Amino acid sequence: KDAAFRAAVAGVNMDMGSGTYLKNLKQLVT
């Protein structure tokens, strides 16, 4: 979850292959 947060803050738009955004980003938005 922290990985998704740090990548999003840094400005990575698309997560290639790890599914980290898919699993964690909605909760970070909530």
PDB file of all heavy atoms in Angstrom:
ATOM      1  N   LYS A   1       0.828  -1.199   0.000  1.00  0.00           N
ATOM      2  CA  LYS A   1       0.000   0.000   0.000  1.00  0.00           C
ATOM      3  C   LYS A   1       0.868   1.255   0.000  1.00  0.00           C
ATOM      4  O   LYS A   1       0.603   2.223  -0.730  1.00  0.00           O
ATOM      5  CB  LYS A   1      -0.919  -0.019   1.220  1.00  0.00           C
ATOM      6  CG  LYS A   1      -1.864   1.170   1.315  1.00  0.00           C
ATOM      7  CD  LYS A   1      -2.731   1.052   2.559  1.00  0.00           C
ATOM      8  CE  LYS A   1      -3.621   2.267   2.755  1.00  0.00           C
ATOM      9  NZ  LYS A   1      -4.405   2.168   4.008  1.00  0.00           N
ATOM     10  N   ASP A   2       1.916   1.228   0.783  1.00  0.00           N
ATOM     11  CA  ASP A   2       2.849   2.353   0.812  1.00  0.00           C
ATOM     12  C   ASP A   2       3.577   2.489  -0.525  1.00  0.00           C
ATOM     13  O   ASP A   2       3.867   3.598  -0.976  1.00  0.00           O
ATOM     14  CB  ASP A   2       3.855   2.165   1.953  1.00  0.00           C
ATOM     15  CG  ASP A   2       4.749   3.372   2.152  1.00  0.00           C
ATOM     16  OD1 ASP A   2       4.265   4.510   2.034  1.00  0.00           O
ATOM     17  OD2 ASP A   2       5.963   3.167   2.423  1.00  0.00           O
ATOM     18  N   ALA A   3       3.855   1.362  -1.177  1.00  0.00           N
ATOM     19  CA  ALA A   3       4.483   1.399  -2.496  1.00  0.00           C
ATOM     20  C   ALA A   3       3.578   2.101  -3.499  1.00  0.00           C
ATOM     21  O   ALA A   3       4.037   2.931  -4.298  1.00  0.00           O
ATOM     22  CB  ALA A   3       4.807  -0.018  -2.965  1.00  0.00           C
ATOM     23  N   ALA A   4       2.282   1.772  -3.476  1.00  0.00           N
ATOM     24  CA  ALA A   4       1.333   2.433  -4.371  1.00  0.00           C
ATOM     25  C   ALA A   4       1.284   3.928  -4.092  1.00  0.00           C
ATOM     26  O   ALA A   4       1.258   4.752  -5.016  1.00  0.00           O
ATOM     27  CB  ALA A   4      -0.050   1.812  -4.212  1.00  0.00           C
ATOM     28  N   PHE A   5       1.291   4.285  -2.826  1.00  0.00           N
ATOM     29  CA  PHE A   5       1.252   5.699  -2.443  1.00  0.00           C
ATOM     30  C   PHE A   5       2.487   6.446  -2.949  1.00  0.00           C
ATOM     31  O   PHE A   5       2.391   7.509  -3.566  1.00  0.00           O
ATOM     32  CB  PHE A   5       1.145   5.817  -0.925  1.00  0.00           C
ATOM     33  CG  PHE A   5       1.281   7.224  -0.417  1.00  0.00           C
ATOM     34  CD1 PHE A   5       0.242   8.129  -0.555  1.00  0.00           C
ATOM     35  CD2 PHE A   5       2.456   7.652   0.187  1.00  0.00           C
ATOM     36  CE1 PHE A   5       0.369   9.438  -0.102  1.00  0.00           C
ATOM     37  CE2 PHE A   5       2.591   8.945   0.651  1.00  0.00           C
ATOM     38  CZ  PHE A   5       1.547   9.844   0.498  1.00  0.00           C
ATOM     39  N   ARG A   6       3.654   5.853  -2.726  1.00  0.00           N
ATOM     40  CA  ARG A   6       4.901   6.542  -3.101  1.00  0.00           C
ATOM     41  C   ARG A   6       5.042   6.675  -4.614  1.00  0.00           C
ATOM     42  O   ARG A   6       5.511   7.704  -5.116  1.00  0.00           O
ATOM     43  CB  ARG A   6       6.097   5.808  -2.509  1.00  0.00           C
ATOM     44  CG  ARG A   6       6.185   5.928  -0.982  1.00  0.00           C
ATOM     45  CD  ARG A   6       7.447   5.254  -0.472  1.00  0.00           C
ATOM     46  NE  ARG A   6       7.544   5.307   0.965  1.00  0.00           N
ATOM     47  CZ  ARG A   6       8.637   5.720   1.631  1.00  0.00           C
ATOM     48  NH1 ARG A   6       9.695   6.123   0.948  1.00  0.00           N
ATOM     49  NH2 ARG A   6       8.667   5.717   2.937  1.00  0.00           N
ATOM     50  N   ALA A   7       4.653   5.646  -5.340  1.00  0.00           N
ATOM     51  CA  ALA A   7       4.731   5.726  -6.799  1.00  0.00           C
ATOM     52  C   ALA A   7       3.750   6.770  -7.338  1.00  0.00           C
ATOM     53  O   ALA A   7       4.083   7.529  -8.256  1.00  0.00           O
ATOM     54  CB  ALA A   7       4.447   4.365  -7.416  1.00  0.00           C
ATOM     55  N   ALA A   8       2.542   6.811  -6.760  1.00  0.00           N
ATOM     56  CA  ALA A   8       1.547   7.786  -7.204  1.00  0.00           C
ATOM     57  C   ALA A   8       2.014   9.206  -6.905  1.00  0.00           C
ATOM     58  O   ALA A   8       1.889  10.102  -7.751  1.00  0.00           O
ATOM     59  CB  ALA A   8       0.206   7.508  -6.524  1.00  0.00           C
ATOM     60  N   VAL A   9       2.555   9.419  -5.737  1.00  0.00           N
ATOM     61  CA  VAL A   9       3.057  10.746  -5.373  1.00  0.00           C
ATOM     62  C   VAL A   9       4.204  11.157  -6.284  1.00  0.00           C
ATOM     63  O   VAL A   9       4.323  12.315  -6.693  1.00  0.00           O
ATOM     64  CB  VAL A   9       3.489  10.766  -3.892  1.00  0.00           C
ATOM     65  CG1 VAL A   9       4.277  12.030  -3.567  1.00  0.00           C
ATOM     66  CG2 VAL A   9       2.269  10.660  -2.985  1.00  0.00           C
ATOM     67  N   ALA A  10       5.052  10.201  -6.628  1.00  0.00           N
ATOM     68  CA  ALA A  10       6.183  10.506  -7.507  1.00  0.00           C
ATOM     69  C   ALA A  10       5.733  10.812  -8.924  1.00  0.00           C
ATOM     70  O   ALA A  10       6.458  11.474  -9.673  1.00  0.00           O
ATOM     71  CB  ALA A  10       7.168   9.344  -7.509  1.00  0.00           C
ATOM     72  N   GLY A  11       4.559  10.315  -9.305  1.00  0.00           N
ATOM     73  CA  GLY A  11       4.043  10.628 -10.629  1.00  0.00           C
ATOM     74  C   GLY A  11       4.050   9.482 -11.612  1.00  0.00           C
ATOM     75  O   GLY A  11       4.041   9.707 -12.826  1.00  0.00           O
ATOM     76  N   VAL A  12       4.056   8.237 -11.131  1.00  0.00           N
ATOM     77  CA  VAL A  12       3.954   7.079 -12.019  1.00  0.00           C
ATOM     78  C   VAL A  12       2.486   6.891 -12.384  1.00  0.00           C
ATOM     79  O   VAL A  12       1.654   6.626 -11.515  1.00  0.00           O
ATOM     80  CB  VAL A  12       4.515   5.807 -11.352  1.00  0.00           C
ATOM     81  CG1 VAL A  12       4.287   4.592 -12.247  1.00  0.00           C
ATOM     82  CG2 VAL A  12       6.001   5.969 -11.053  1.00  0.00           C
ATOM     83  N   ASN A  13       2.159   7.013 -13.652  1.00  0.00           N
ATOM     84  CA  ASN A  13       0.761   6.921 -14.086  1.00  0.00           C
ATOM     85  C   ASN A  13       0.273   5.490 -14.231  1.00  0.00           C
ATOM     86  O   ASN A  13      -0.888   5.192 -13.927  1.00  0.00           O
ATOM     87  CB  ASN A  13       0.584   7.625 -15.427  1.00  0.00           C
ATOM     88  CG  ASN A  13       0.996   9.077 -15.392  1.00  0.00           C
ATOM     89  OD1 ASN A  13       2.169   9.388 -15.524  1.00  0.00           O
ATOM     90  ND2 ASN A  13       0.047   9.976 -15.189  1.00  0.00           N
ATOM     91  N   MET A  14       1.142   4.611 -14.707  1.00  0.00           N
ATOM     92  CA  MET A  14       0.703   3.246 -14.992  1.00  0.00           C
ATOM     93  C   MET A  14       1.627   2.240 -14.318  1.00  0.00           C
ATOM     94  O   MET A  14       2.850   2.339 -14.419  1.00  0.00           O
ATOM     95  CB  MET A  14       0.652   2.982 -16.495  1.00  0.00           C
ATOM     96  CG  MET A  14       0.062   1.626 -16.871  1.00  0.00           C
ATOM     97  SD  MET A  14      -0.079   1.403 -18.666  1.00  0.00           S
ATOM     98  CE  MET A  14      -1.480   2.472 -19.020  1.00  0.00           C
ATOM     99  N   ASP A  15       1.022   1.291 -13.636  1.00  0.00           N
ATOM    100  CA  ASP A  15       1.736   0.228 -12.928  1.00  0.00           C
ATOM    101  C   ASP A  15       1.841  -0.979 -13.847  1.00  0.00           C
ATOM    102  O   ASP A  15       0.847  -1.633 -14.144  1.00  0.00           O
ATOM    103  CB  ASP A  15       0.951  -0.108 -11.649  1.00  0.00           C
ATOM    104  CG  ASP A  15       1.446  -1.349 -10.928  1.00  0.00           C
ATOM    105  OD1 ASP A  15       2.548  -1.843 -11.252  1.00  0.00           O
ATOM    106  OD2 ASP A  15       0.722  -1.821 -10.022  1.00  0.00           O
ATOM    107  N   MET A  16       3.064  -1.278 -14.290  1.00  0.00           N
ATOM    108  CA  MET A  16       3.269  -2.397 -15.185  1.00  0.00           C
ATOM    109  C   MET A  16       3.419  -3.697 -14.404  1.00  0.00           C
ATOM    110  O   MET A  16       4.429  -3.940 -13.757  1.00  0.00           O
ATOM    111  CB  MET A  16       4.521  -2.202 -16.059  1.00  0.00           C
ATOM    112  CG  MET A  16       4.719  -3.330 -17.085  1.00  0.00           C
ATOM    113  SD  MET A  16       6.383  -3.434 -17.800  1.00  0.00           S
ATOM    114  CE  MET A  16       6.455  -1.955 -18.763  1.00  0.00           C
ATOM    115  N   GLY A  17       2.370  -4.507 -14.443  1.00  0.00           N
ATOM    116  CA  GLY A  17       2.492  -5.898 -14.055  1.00  0.00           C
ATOM    117  C   GLY A  17       2.339  -6.259 -12.603  1.00  0.00           C
ATOM    118  O   GLY A  17       2.047  -7.416 -12.294  1.00  0.00           O
ATOM    119  N   SER A  18       2.522  -5.323 -11.678  1.00  0.00           N
ATOM    120  CA  SER A  18       2.536  -5.730 -10.266  1.00  0.00           C
ATOM    121  C   SER A  18       1.153  -5.754  -9.636  1.00  0.00           C
ATOM    122  O   SER A  18       0.953  -6.386  -8.592  1.00  0.00           O
ATOM    123  CB  SER A  18       3.447  -4.807  -9.452  1.00  0.00           C
ATOM    124  OG  SER A  18       2.825  -3.580  -9.137  1.00  0.00           O
ATOM    125  N   GLY A  19       0.175  -5.056 -10.225  1.00  0.00           N
ATOM    126  CA  GLY A  19      -1.172  -5.006  -9.657  1.00  0.00           C
ATOM    127  C   GLY A  19      -1.262  -4.214  -8.369  1.00  0.00           C
ATOM    128  O   GLY A  19      -2.296  -4.242  -7.692  1.00  0.00           O
ATOM    129  N   THR A  20      -0.218  -3.476  -8.034  1.00  0.00           N
ATOM    130  CA  THR A  20      -0.189  -2.751  -6.764  1.00  0.00           C
ATOM    131  C   THR A  20      -1.186  -1.610  -6.735  1.00  0.00           C
ATOM    132  O   THR A  20      -1.835  -1.365  -5.708  1.00  0.00           O
ATOM    133  CB  THR A  20       1.241  -2.239  -6.498  1.00  0.00           C
ATOM    134  OG1 THR A  20       2.155  -3.335  -6.590  1.00  0.00           O
ATOM    135  CG2 THR A  20       1.353  -1.614  -5.127  1.00  0.00           C
ATOM    136  N   TYR A  21      -1.313  -0.885  -7.838  1.00  0.00           N
ATOM    137  CA  TYR A  21      -2.317   0.174  -7.896  1.00  0.00           C
ATOM    138  C   TYR A  21      -3.723  -0.416  -7.800  1.00  0.00           C
ATOM    139  O   TYR A  21      -4.586   0.099  -7.074  1.00  0.00           O
ATOM    140  CB  TYR A  21      -2.191   0.947  -9.214  1.00  0.00           C
ATOM    141  CG  TYR A  21      -1.171   2.059  -9.221  1.00  0.00           C
ATOM    142  CD1 TYR A  21      -0.932   2.791 -10.381  1.00  0.00           C
ATOM    143  CD2 TYR A  21      -0.442   2.401  -8.084  1.00  0.00           C
ATOM    144  CE1 TYR A  21      -0.002   3.816 -10.417  1.00  0.00           C
ATOM    145  CE2 TYR A  21       0.491   3.418  -8.107  1.00  0.00           C
ATOM    146  CZ  TYR A  21       0.704   4.127  -9.274  1.00  0.00           C
ATOM    147  OH  TYR A  21       1.621   5.150  -9.309  1.00  0.00           O
ATOM    148  N   LEU A  22      -3.983  -1.484  -8.545  1.00  0.00           N
ATOM    149  CA  LEU A  22      -5.315  -2.073  -8.588  1.00  0.00           C
ATOM    150  C   LEU A  22      -5.775  -2.495  -7.197  1.00  0.00           C
ATOM    151  O   LEU A  22      -6.946  -2.343  -6.836  1.00  0.00           O
ATOM    152  CB  LEU A  22      -5.329  -3.273  -9.544  1.00  0.00           C
ATOM    153  CG  LEU A  22      -6.691  -3.870  -9.866  1.00  0.00           C
ATOM    154  CD1 LEU A  22      -7.542  -2.882 -10.650  1.00  0.00           C
ATOM    155  CD2 LEU A  22      -6.529  -5.166 -10.663  1.00  0.00           C
ATOM    156  N   LYS A  23      -4.856  -2.993  -6.403  1.00  0.00           N
ATOM    157  CA  LYS A  23      -5.203  -3.517  -5.084  1.00  0.00           C
ATOM    158  C   LYS A  23      -5.246  -2.447  -3.996  1.00  0.00           C
ATOM    159  O   LYS A  23      -5.876  -2.660  -2.952  1.00  0.00           O
ATOM    160  CB  LYS A  23      -4.199  -4.596  -4.682  1.00  0.00           C
ATOM    161  CG  LYS A  23      -4.215  -5.826  -5.584  1.00  0.00           C
ATOM    162  CD  LYS A  23      -3.071  -6.774  -5.245  1.00  0.00           C
ATOM    163  CE  LYS A  23      -3.014  -7.946  -6.219  1.00  0.00           C
ATOM    164  NZ  LYS A  23      -1.821  -8.818  -5.973  1.00  0.00           N
ATOM    165  N   ASN A  24      -4.587  -1.309  -4.210  1.00  0.00           N
ATOM    166  CA  ASN A  24      -4.399  -0.384  -3.092  1.00  0.00           C
ATOM    167  C   ASN A  24      -4.821   1.053  -3.351  1.00  0.00           C
ATOM    168  O   ASN A  24      -5.050   1.793  -2.396  1.00  0.00           O
ATOM    169  CB  ASN A  24      -2.915  -0.369  -2.681  1.00  0.00           C
ATOM    170  CG  ASN A  24      -2.445  -1.707  -2.161  1.00  0.00           C
ATOM    171  OD1 ASN A  24      -2.712  -2.082  -1.025  1.00  0.00           O
ATOM    172  ND2 ASN A  24      -1.726  -2.450  -3.008  1.00  0.00           N
ATOM    173  N   LEU A  25      -4.915   1.472  -4.604  1.00  0.00           N
ATOM    174  CA  LEU A  25      -5.081   2.891  -4.861  1.00  0.00           C
ATOM    175  C   LEU A  25      -6.464   3.405  -4.469  1.00  0.00           C
ATOM    176  O   LEU A  25      -6.594   4.529  -3.953  1.00  0.00           O
ATOM    177  CB  LEU A  25      -4.807   3.180  -6.340  1.00  0.00           C
ATOM    178  CG  LEU A  25      -4.382   4.612  -6.693  1.00  0.00           C
ATOM    179  CD1 LEU A  25      -3.255   5.096  -5.799  1.00  0.00           C
ATOM    180  CD2 LEU A  25      -3.969   4.684  -8.154  1.00  0.00           C
ATOM    181  N   LYS A  26      -7.496   2.593  -4.672  1.00  0.00           N
ATOM    182  CA  LYS A  26      -8.837   3.055  -4.291  1.00  0.00           C
ATOM    183  C   LYS A  26      -8.908   3.336  -2.794  1.00  0.00           C
ATOM    184  O   LYS A  26      -9.493   4.350  -2.369  1.00  0.00           O
ATOM    185  CB  LYS A  26      -9.885   2.016  -4.684  1.00  0.00           C
ATOM    186  CG  LYS A  26     -11.308   2.460  -4.345  1.00  0.00           C
ATOM    187  CD  LYS A  26     -12.338   1.420  -4.778  1.00  0.00           C
ATOM    188  CE  LYS A  26     -13.745   1.902  -4.425  1.00  0.00           C
ATOM    189  NZ  LYS A  26     -14.781   0.926  -4.854  1.00  0.00           N
ATOM    190  N   GLN A  27      -8.308   2.452  -2.002  1.00  0.00           N
ATOM    191  CA  GLN A  27      -8.327   2.665  -0.559  1.00  0.00           C
ATOM    192  C   GLN A  27      -7.566   3.939  -0.188  1.00  0.00           C
ATOM    193  O   GLN A  27      -7.990   4.688   0.707  1.00  0.00           O
ATOM    194  CB  GLN A  27      -7.712   1.470   0.169  1.00  0.00           C
ATOM    195  CG  GLN A  27      -7.795   1.568   1.691  1.00  0.00           C
ATOM    196  CD  GLN A  27      -7.231   0.338   2.385  1.00  0.00           C
ATOM    197  OE1 GLN A  27      -6.867  -0.643   1.745  1.00  0.00           O
ATOM    198  NE2 GLN A  27      -7.155   0.404   3.717  1.00  0.00           N
ATOM    199  N   LEU A  28      -6.473   4.212  -0.892  1.00  0.00           N
ATOM    200  CA  LEU A  28      -5.713   5.432  -0.626  1.00  0.00           C
ATOM    201  C   LEU A  28      -6.543   6.669  -0.949  1.00  0.00           C
ATOM    202  O   LEU A  28      -6.455   7.688  -0.244  1.00  0.00           O
ATOM    203  CB  LEU A  28      -4.420   5.428  -1.445  1.00  0.00           C
ATOM    204  CG  LEU A  28      -3.345   4.432  -1.007  1.00  0.00           C
ATOM    205  CD1 LEU A  28      -2.253   4.313  -2.066  1.00  0.00           C
ATOM    206  CD2 LEU A  28      -2.727   4.863   0.330  1.00  0.00           C
ATOM    207  N   VAL A  29      -7.361   6.578  -1.995  1.00  0.00           N
ATOM    208  CA  VAL A  29      -8.249   7.686  -2.338  1.00  0.00           C
ATOM    209  C   VAL A  29      -9.342   7.828  -1.284  1.00  0.00           C
ATOM    210  O   VAL A  29      -9.656   8.939  -0.828  1.00  0.00           O
ATOM    211  CB  VAL A  29      -8.852   7.482  -3.744  1.00  0.00           C
ATOM    212  CG1 VAL A  29      -9.923   8.541  -4.027  1.00  0.00           C
ATOM    213  CG2 VAL A  29      -7.768   7.522  -4.806  1.00  0.00           C
ATOM    214  N   THR A  30      -9.926   6.709  -0.866  1.00  0.00           N
ATOM    215  CA  THR A  30     -10.982   6.722   0.148  1.00  0.00           C
ATOM    216  C   THR A  30     -10.476   7.341   1.448  1.00  0.00           C
ATOM    217  O   THR A  30     -11.187   8.100   2.126  1.00  0.00           O
ATOM    218  CB  THR A  30     -11.483   5.292   0.417  1.00  0.00           C
ATOM    219  OG1 THR A  30     -11.998   4.750  -0.806  1.00  0.00           O
ATOM    220  CG2 THR A  30     -12.567   5.284   1.483  1.00  0.00           C
TER     221      THR A  30
END
